[in-house]
Protein backbone atom coordinates (compact mmCIF):
# COMPACT_ATOMS: atom_id res chain seq x y z
CA MET A 1 16.63 -4.50 -8.14
CA ASP A 2 18.20 -7.43 -9.97
CA SER A 3 17.24 -6.36 -13.49
CA LEU A 4 18.52 -3.62 -15.77
CA ARG A 5 15.57 -3.97 -18.15
CA ASP A 6 13.55 -1.13 -16.69
CA THR A 7 12.07 1.40 -19.10
CA LEU A 8 11.45 5.12 -19.21
CA LEU A 9 8.13 5.94 -17.53
CA ILE A 10 8.08 9.69 -16.84
CA GLN A 11 9.88 12.79 -18.07
CA GLU A 12 9.67 16.18 -16.37
CA TYR A 13 10.28 19.40 -18.27
CA ARG A 14 10.92 22.85 -16.83
CA GLY A 15 10.95 25.78 -19.24
CA GLY A 16 10.83 23.30 -22.09
CA ILE A 17 14.07 21.65 -20.96
CA LEU A 18 14.22 18.08 -19.69
CA GLU A 19 14.96 18.21 -15.95
CA CYS A 20 14.21 14.69 -14.64
CA SER A 21 13.59 11.21 -16.00
CA HIS A 22 12.14 8.31 -14.04
CA ARG A 23 12.53 4.72 -15.14
CA GLY A 24 10.71 1.68 -13.82
CA ASN A 25 8.75 -1.48 -14.44
CA ILE A 26 5.03 -2.33 -14.65
CA SER A 27 3.31 -5.73 -14.53
CA VAL A 28 -0.38 -6.38 -15.29
CA VAL A 29 -1.66 -9.90 -14.65
CA ASP A 30 -4.96 -11.66 -15.32
CA GLU A 31 -6.98 -13.79 -12.91
CA GLU A 32 -4.71 -16.75 -13.65
CA GLY A 33 -1.69 -14.69 -12.56
CA GLN A 34 -0.33 -14.56 -16.11
CA VAL A 35 1.26 -11.36 -17.40
CA LEU A 36 -1.07 -9.65 -19.88
CA ASN A 37 0.69 -6.31 -20.24
CA HIS A 38 3.98 -4.88 -19.11
CA ALA A 39 6.45 -2.06 -19.39
CA GLY A 40 10.06 -2.91 -18.72
CA ASP A 41 10.63 -6.14 -16.81
CA PRO A 42 7.37 -7.55 -15.39
CA HIS A 43 9.23 -10.05 -13.25
CA VAL A 44 11.83 -7.77 -11.66
CA ARG A 45 12.36 -8.57 -7.98
CA VAL A 46 11.16 -5.75 -5.71
CA PHE A 47 10.67 -5.11 -2.02
CA THR A 48 6.98 -4.77 -1.21
CA ARG A 49 7.45 -2.23 1.58
CA SER A 50 4.01 -0.92 2.68
CA ALA A 51 2.28 -2.34 -0.39
CA ALA A 52 2.25 -5.56 1.66
CA LYS A 53 0.06 -4.13 4.43
CA PRO A 54 -3.27 -5.57 3.23
CA PHE A 55 -1.64 -9.02 3.23
CA GLN A 56 -0.02 -8.49 6.62
CA ALA A 57 -3.50 -7.91 8.07
CA ILE A 58 -4.93 -11.18 6.75
CA PRO A 59 -3.74 -13.63 9.46
CA ALA A 60 -5.18 -11.49 12.26
CA ILE A 61 -8.54 -10.96 10.53
CA ARG A 62 -8.66 -14.62 9.53
CA ALA A 63 -8.13 -15.59 13.18
CA GLY A 64 -11.15 -13.53 14.25
CA ILE A 65 -9.82 -10.32 15.80
CA GLN A 66 -12.68 -8.30 14.33
CA GLU A 67 -15.23 -10.31 16.28
CA PHE A 68 -13.03 -10.75 19.36
CA TYR A 69 -12.38 -7.01 19.82
CA HIS A 70 -15.59 -5.78 18.14
CA LEU A 71 -13.61 -3.82 15.58
CA THR A 72 -15.14 -1.34 13.14
CA ASP A 73 -14.36 -1.01 9.44
CA ALA A 74 -12.35 2.07 10.34
CA GLU A 75 -10.15 0.11 12.74
CA ILE A 76 -9.54 -2.59 10.14
CA ALA A 77 -8.80 -0.03 7.41
CA VAL A 78 -6.16 1.70 9.52
CA MET A 79 -4.34 -1.65 9.91
CA THR A 80 -3.59 -1.46 6.18
CA ALA A 81 -2.63 2.21 6.27
CA SER A 82 0.41 4.30 5.65
CA HIS A 83 -1.39 7.07 7.48
CA ARG A 84 -0.39 10.72 7.81
CA ALA A 85 -1.35 11.06 11.49
CA GLU A 86 -4.18 13.43 10.72
CA ASP A 87 -6.79 13.77 13.46
CA VAL A 88 -9.05 11.21 11.78
CA HIS A 89 -6.23 8.66 11.84
CA ILE A 90 -5.23 9.27 15.45
CA ASP A 91 -8.81 9.04 16.68
CA VAL A 92 -9.18 5.58 15.13
CA LEU A 93 -5.72 4.44 16.26
CA GLU A 94 -6.40 5.46 19.86
CA SER A 95 -9.71 3.59 19.77
CA LEU A 96 -7.92 0.52 18.43
CA LEU A 97 -5.20 0.81 21.07
CA ALA A 98 -7.82 0.97 23.84
CA LYS A 99 -9.79 -2.00 22.54
CA ILE A 100 -6.70 -4.20 22.30
CA GLY A 101 -5.48 -3.16 25.72
CA VAL A 102 -1.77 -2.81 24.95
CA GLU A 103 0.62 0.01 25.81
CA GLU A 104 1.72 2.40 23.08
CA GLU A 105 5.33 1.88 24.18
CA GLY A 106 4.95 -1.76 23.17
CA LEU A 107 5.00 -0.77 19.51
CA VAL A 108 8.47 -1.17 17.99
CA CYS A 109 7.91 1.51 15.33
CA ALA A 110 9.85 4.62 16.31
CA PRO A 111 8.28 7.68 17.95
CA SER A 112 7.52 10.03 15.07
CA LEU A 113 5.97 13.33 14.06
CA PRO A 114 2.89 13.36 11.81
CA LEU A 115 3.66 13.10 8.09
CA ASP A 116 0.77 15.45 7.35
CA GLY A 117 2.15 18.98 7.28
CA LYS A 118 -0.81 20.71 8.95
CA SER A 119 -1.01 18.08 11.68
CA ARG A 120 2.73 18.29 12.30
CA GLU A 121 2.66 22.09 12.52
CA ALA A 122 -0.31 22.03 14.90
CA LEU A 123 1.43 19.49 17.11
CA LEU A 124 4.67 21.45 17.30
CA ARG A 125 2.88 24.75 17.94
CA SER A 126 1.01 23.16 20.84
CA GLY A 127 4.22 21.77 22.34
CA GLY A 128 3.34 18.18 21.49
CA GLN A 129 5.88 15.38 21.35
CA ARG A 130 6.69 12.51 19.02
CA ARG A 131 4.54 9.40 19.52
CA ARG A 132 4.77 5.85 18.25
CA LEU A 133 1.13 6.17 17.24
CA TYR A 134 2.12 8.95 14.82
CA HIS A 135 4.33 6.51 12.89
CA ASN A 136 2.69 5.77 9.54
CA CYS A 137 2.89 2.00 10.18
CA SER A 138 1.35 2.02 13.66
CA GLY A 139 -1.96 0.56 12.49
CA LYS A 140 -0.20 -2.46 11.02
CA HIS A 141 1.65 -3.00 14.29
CA LEU A 142 -1.53 -2.76 16.33
CA GLY A 143 -3.21 -5.36 14.14
CA VAL A 144 -0.43 -7.86 14.74
CA LEU A 145 -0.35 -7.07 18.47
CA ALA A 146 -4.11 -7.64 18.63
CA TYR A 147 -3.65 -11.09 17.12
CA CYS A 148 -0.78 -11.90 19.49
CA LYS A 149 -2.72 -10.86 22.57
CA MET A 150 -5.82 -12.78 21.53
CA LYS A 151 -3.80 -15.97 20.96
CA GLY A 152 -1.46 -15.56 23.92
CA PHE A 153 1.64 -15.18 21.74
CA ASP A 154 4.66 -13.27 23.02
CA LEU A 155 4.13 -9.53 22.59
CA ALA A 156 7.72 -8.36 22.99
CA SER A 157 8.98 -10.28 19.95
CA TYR A 158 5.96 -9.71 17.69
CA HIS A 159 8.15 -8.05 15.04
CA GLU A 160 10.80 -10.75 14.86
CA PRO A 161 10.94 -12.85 11.65
CA ASP A 162 10.62 -16.12 13.59
CA HIS A 163 7.55 -15.03 15.55
CA PRO A 164 4.55 -17.29 14.76
CA VAL A 165 2.50 -14.41 13.37
CA GLN A 166 5.33 -13.17 11.14
CA ARG A 167 5.82 -16.69 9.77
CA GLU A 168 2.09 -16.88 9.09
CA ILE A 169 2.23 -13.57 7.23
CA VAL A 170 4.98 -14.84 4.93
CA GLU A 171 3.10 -18.06 4.24
CA THR A 172 -0.09 -16.14 3.46
CA LEU A 173 1.62 -13.71 1.10
CA ALA A 174 3.34 -16.60 -0.67
CA GLN A 175 0.03 -18.42 -1.17
CA LEU A 176 -1.66 -15.38 -2.69
CA ALA A 177 1.36 -14.51 -4.82
CA GLY A 178 1.60 -18.06 -6.16
CA ILE A 179 5.19 -18.68 -5.06
CA SER A 180 6.83 -20.63 -2.26
CA PRO A 181 7.85 -18.90 0.99
CA GLU A 182 11.45 -19.91 0.27
CA ASN A 183 11.37 -17.74 -2.86
CA ILE A 184 10.46 -14.62 -0.91
CA GLY A 185 13.47 -12.54 0.04
CA ARG A 186 13.57 -10.96 3.49
CA GLY A 187 14.82 -7.70 4.88
CA THR A 188 13.86 -5.28 7.66
CA ASP A 189 11.47 -2.42 6.94
CA GLY A 190 11.83 1.09 8.34
CA CYS A 191 9.25 0.36 11.03
CA GLY A 192 11.12 -2.72 12.28
CA PHE A 193 8.91 -5.37 10.64
CA PRO A 194 10.13 -7.99 8.18
CA VAL A 195 9.81 -6.80 4.58
CA PHE A 196 9.54 -9.04 1.53
CA ALA A 197 11.15 -9.18 -1.90
CA LEU A 198 9.39 -11.01 -4.71
CA PRO A 199 8.83 -10.71 -8.48
CA LEU A 200 6.72 -7.75 -9.53
CA SER A 201 4.39 -10.14 -11.36
CA ALA A 202 3.90 -12.12 -8.14
CA LEU A 203 2.97 -8.94 -6.27
CA ALA A 204 0.50 -8.13 -9.05
CA ALA A 205 -0.93 -11.66 -8.76
CA ALA A 206 -1.40 -11.22 -5.01
CA TYR A 207 -3.21 -7.92 -5.62
CA MET A 208 -5.44 -9.66 -8.14
CA LYS A 209 -6.53 -12.05 -5.37
CA LEU A 210 -7.59 -9.07 -3.23
CA VAL A 211 -10.35 -8.25 -5.73
CA CYS A 212 -10.92 -11.86 -6.81
CA PRO A 213 -11.18 -13.74 -3.50
CA ASP A 214 -13.00 -16.50 -5.38
CA ARG A 215 -9.53 -17.38 -6.72
CA ILE A 216 -8.34 -18.10 -3.16
CA GLU A 217 -8.62 -21.80 -2.30
CA ASP A 218 -8.84 -21.42 1.47
CA GLY A 219 -12.31 -20.16 2.44
CA ARG A 220 -11.25 -18.48 5.67
CA THR A 221 -8.52 -16.57 3.87
CA ALA A 222 -10.96 -15.51 1.17
CA GLU A 223 -13.42 -14.22 3.78
CA ALA A 224 -10.63 -12.30 5.57
CA VAL A 225 -9.71 -10.66 2.26
CA ARG A 226 -13.35 -9.64 1.77
CA GLN A 227 -13.44 -8.10 5.26
CA ILE A 228 -10.20 -6.17 4.73
CA THR A 229 -10.97 -4.87 1.25
CA ARG A 230 -14.51 -3.92 2.24
CA ALA A 231 -13.06 -1.82 5.06
CA MET A 232 -10.48 -0.20 2.77
CA ASN A 233 -13.19 0.86 0.32
CA ALA A 234 -15.51 1.96 3.12
CA ARG A 235 -12.89 4.21 4.75
CA PRO A 236 -10.38 5.19 2.05
CA GLU A 237 -9.27 8.33 3.90
CA LEU A 238 -7.79 6.14 6.63
CA VAL A 239 -5.61 4.08 4.30
CA GLY A 240 -3.70 7.07 2.95
CA GLY A 241 -4.89 10.53 3.82
CA SER A 242 -5.51 13.95 2.33
CA GLY A 243 -4.16 14.20 -1.20
CA ARG A 244 -2.91 10.60 -1.29
CA ILE A 245 -3.46 8.45 -4.35
CA ASP A 246 -4.34 5.39 -2.23
CA SER A 247 -7.37 7.19 -0.85
CA ALA A 248 -8.38 8.61 -4.23
CA LEU A 249 -8.36 5.18 -5.87
CA LEU A 250 -10.13 3.44 -2.99
CA GLU A 251 -13.09 5.78 -3.34
CA ASP A 252 -13.88 3.66 -6.40
CA ASP A 253 -15.19 0.40 -4.94
CA ASN A 254 -13.91 -1.42 -8.02
CA ILE A 255 -10.31 -0.75 -6.96
CA ILE A 256 -8.04 -1.89 -4.15
CA ALA A 257 -4.76 0.01 -3.93
CA LYS A 258 -1.79 0.47 -1.63
CA GLY A 259 1.62 2.01 -2.13
CA GLY A 260 4.92 1.38 -0.43
CA PHE A 261 8.10 3.33 0.20
CA LYS A 262 10.76 3.55 -2.51
CA GLY A 263 8.40 3.70 -5.43
CA VAL A 264 6.50 0.39 -5.26
CA TYR A 265 2.74 0.41 -5.88
CA GLY A 266 0.05 -2.25 -6.15
CA PHE A 267 -3.58 -1.99 -7.22
CA SER A 268 -6.25 -4.19 -8.71
CA LEU A 269 -9.49 -3.91 -10.68
CA LYS A 270 -12.44 -6.02 -9.54
CA ARG A 271 -14.69 -6.15 -12.61
CA GLU A 272 -11.74 -6.50 -14.95
CA ARG A 273 -10.13 -9.13 -12.66
CA LEU A 274 -6.67 -7.63 -13.07
CA GLY A 275 -3.75 -7.14 -10.71
CA ILE A 276 -1.20 -4.39 -11.35
CA ALA A 277 2.12 -3.65 -9.69
CA LEU A 278 4.73 -1.06 -10.54
CA LYS A 279 8.10 0.06 -9.31
CA VAL A 280 9.74 3.43 -9.96
CA SER A 281 13.40 2.47 -10.10
CA ASP A 282 14.76 5.55 -8.32
CA GLY A 283 12.28 5.08 -5.47
CA SER A 284 10.27 8.23 -6.13
CA GLU A 285 6.56 8.39 -5.21
CA GLU A 286 5.70 11.73 -6.83
CA GLU A 287 5.09 10.03 -10.17
CA TRP A 288 2.56 7.45 -8.96
CA GLY A 289 -0.48 9.54 -9.82
CA ARG A 290 0.51 10.14 -13.42
CA ILE A 291 1.68 6.54 -13.93
CA VAL A 292 -1.46 4.99 -12.45
CA LEU A 293 -3.66 7.37 -14.45
CA ASP A 294 -1.90 6.40 -17.68
CA ILE A 295 -2.14 2.68 -16.88
CA LEU A 296 -5.89 3.03 -16.35
CA LYS A 297 -6.25 4.96 -19.60
CA GLN A 298 -4.24 2.40 -21.57
CA LEU A 299 -6.33 -0.41 -20.09
CA GLY A 300 -9.50 1.42 -21.19
CA TYR A 301 -10.82 1.88 -17.66
CA SER A 302 -14.49 2.86 -17.80
CA ASN A 303 -14.85 5.09 -14.72
CA GLN A 304 -14.37 8.46 -16.41
CA GLU A 305 -15.24 10.30 -13.19
CA LEU A 306 -12.22 8.74 -11.48
CA LEU A 307 -9.93 9.51 -14.42
CA ILE A 308 -11.01 13.15 -14.35
CA LYS A 309 -10.48 13.30 -10.60
CA LEU A 310 -6.97 11.83 -10.89
CA GLU A 311 -6.16 14.29 -13.68
CA GLU A 312 -7.19 17.15 -11.39
CA GLN A 313 -5.44 15.80 -8.31
CA PHE A 314 -2.22 14.81 -10.11
CA PRO A 315 -1.96 17.30 -13.00
CA ALA A 316 0.63 17.10 -15.74
CA ARG A 317 1.56 20.73 -15.20
CA ILE A 318 4.35 21.56 -12.75
CA LEU A 319 3.69 24.55 -10.50
CA ASN A 320 6.08 26.75 -8.56
CA ASP A 321 5.51 27.82 -4.95
CA GLU A 322 3.24 30.65 -6.08
CA GLY A 323 1.06 28.29 -8.09
CA ASN A 324 2.33 29.39 -11.49
CA VAL A 325 2.84 26.83 -14.27
CA VAL A 326 6.59 26.36 -14.84
CA GLY A 327 6.81 22.93 -16.43
CA GLN A 328 5.16 19.73 -17.52
CA THR A 329 5.22 16.03 -16.68
CA LYS A 330 4.93 13.56 -19.55
CA THR A 331 4.22 9.85 -19.31
CA VAL A 332 6.18 8.10 -22.06
CA PHE A 333 5.58 4.38 -21.58
CA THR A 334 3.36 2.06 -23.57
CA LEU A 335 2.04 -1.17 -22.09
CA GLU A 336 3.15 -4.11 -24.22
CA ASN A 337 1.36 -7.43 -24.62
């Protein structure tokens, strides 16, 4: 973070006493990429983390891997996922692995246990071991490997910043975000891939293009975006998983959404032609549901069924381990013009 102009977003009370406060920044842009509403600093520089996954899938889909490997919507959706390694995720990932014809050991993401608690417990009880496929980024890696194998690119270095596919990813993200590749900061993500730093407003602008592909000049890129977002809406459970806000939002075919580690979140509204990005400054993800719900309410979002569902799934009340109400979460930000 290179700005101290974040603002208070969430306060958590236990027994009527303030226990936690979470600050952050929100940027809402229109179809021109101009900031319409904000809280805190709409241009703060943030790492995209996994919020970049829909964009990281574009070069491969644009090159024709769906047709080449006869991929399903499910297999495309899981390329954008931060999955929990539930059975539904692993079934699709194994199908994708078989179609591509690469070895699981070729993935550079570390062998992991499932993030989903029930899946992890079942695995450990059965004597199962960590797998690279269980890593929440494995779908993204398989998508890039599929592109590399189809084009004859080197597979061993597919994660390196100078690899042709990684360079193409940066260029694509820059085009959709409306900035030059030189203005995108670089780091290394937890899974071993390059990760990008850019203004929050630029990330929001890129998300706007996901629901407004008519704003994308290159026709092949626009069609790839349509393929990817159609798959995300068709199979929302694969993008996140049980209880995840990504999946809840994607059930509404007017919304494209994807979160990333350390509190960054991007989503966009198709009919309204808006892109939204937020960053919780302390990196927490627990507050996403309440923040997104309040953003939608303040924007006057019309899908009341979704708002009710989010209220039920991410309630303001804080429960203890026995399910008793012991506190309350309050959203305290107001979107400014």
